[in-house]
Amino acid sequence: MSIAVIEVNRQAIVHNVEYIRKIAPNSQLVATIKANAYSHGIVGVAELLQNKVDYFGVARICEAMLLRQKGINTPIICLEGFFPHDDIVDLVDFNIQSAIHSKWQIDALQSSPLENEITAWFKLDTGMHRLGFNLDEAKTEFYRLASCSVVRKPINIISHFSSADELTSEQTSKQLELFDQFIASIEDKSLIGKCSIAASSGTLAWSQSQREIVRPGISLYGISPFNEPIAELRPAMTFKSELIAVRSHKKGEPVGYSQIWCSQQDTKLGVVAMGYGDGYPRNIPENTPVLVNGRRVPIVGHVSMDMIVVDLGIDSQEKPGDEVIFWGQNLPVEEIAKYTGISPYELITRLTERAKIHYVDR
């Protein structure tokens, strides 16, 4: 059994889906489960939610293919779109819907010999400037996409906010206005399918951006897209391990590589089976907290590949085998993000395969 564990509370994820449904009662829901469901396990989360959401959103076609191979029949959208050209065949064979964000993709569809249709999501760049058609070319390209015989009509339209986590962002208002203006500019309304621009931040904070579909990602897992936790969301992940040694330590003695920390008094140190080999950040500041048997204690010294040292205090009664939590219900990952300067998105998705996923229901 792995000592470093990603414990995932399935009922917390279900609760978060239900909460988002209440926030966006008139929208269908795309559960974004890319990057191994933000390290919560793409297959396990898909099996849990396949009858509770309307779509799954992934980044890569290989993620969608895995879900199909595991028996998931819920509609799946590949949000990065197909690449390279050969992926078009996989869209049909595995019944995968695709974002269309570049002219070369439309060229490929126009020349495709396929007889079966695919469902397309026309990607409009309203200000993210990452993927999508620029506004000065979008209308022409939309109609060109609609002319493809292998593309099912109507065509869905999608965009992405760049700053929706900023609650007074003028950029978000501008993007929403441009999105609506583009939709209004399409004369043949029968070509317009479902529309979506709101991910987690937009869904939770910009209710006016909720269209036929919302695409929550990190909020599904109980993590706030903003600077502070959201009380109504329940964190699904507890990232934890165990003490493997407890050592008496003399005042003034250093700990770990480069000896960057020395104890100011006699104390007891706990050695935890966790390190950057499991995905925990190496360069964290001193005094970043963990929970040992529910008690906050600081990390001391450098994080090693396989081990972390914590200062338990001279009166500690902890022993090897005791639980150590790095983030979870009572130590939000949002708080660890403030200590480390690493966003919650990166903290949870950087976890490695050595940290094994265990599902619980509570």
Foldseek 3Di string as FASTA:
>chain_A
DFQWAKEFALVLLVLLLVVLCVLQVQAFEAEECELCLLQQGSQVNLVSCLVPGQEYEYQALVSLVVNVVVPRDHAYEHENFDPDLVCVVVCVVSVHEYEDFDPVNLVSLQPDPDPAAHAYEQEDELDLPPTHDDPVCRQVVCVSSVPRPRHDAQHEYEYEQDPLLPLPDPSVVSSLVSVVVVLVPRPPVRNYDWYEYAEQSCSNRPVVRRTRYYYYRPQSQQADPYLDGDVSRFHGIWTKGWFAFKAWDAAQDFDDPPSPDGHNGTFIKTKTQDACLQPADFDFDWQQWKAWVHDTWTWDDTGDNTITMTTQGHPDPDGTPTMITNDHRVRHVSNSCVRGVNHSSNSSSRGDVSHYYDYDHD
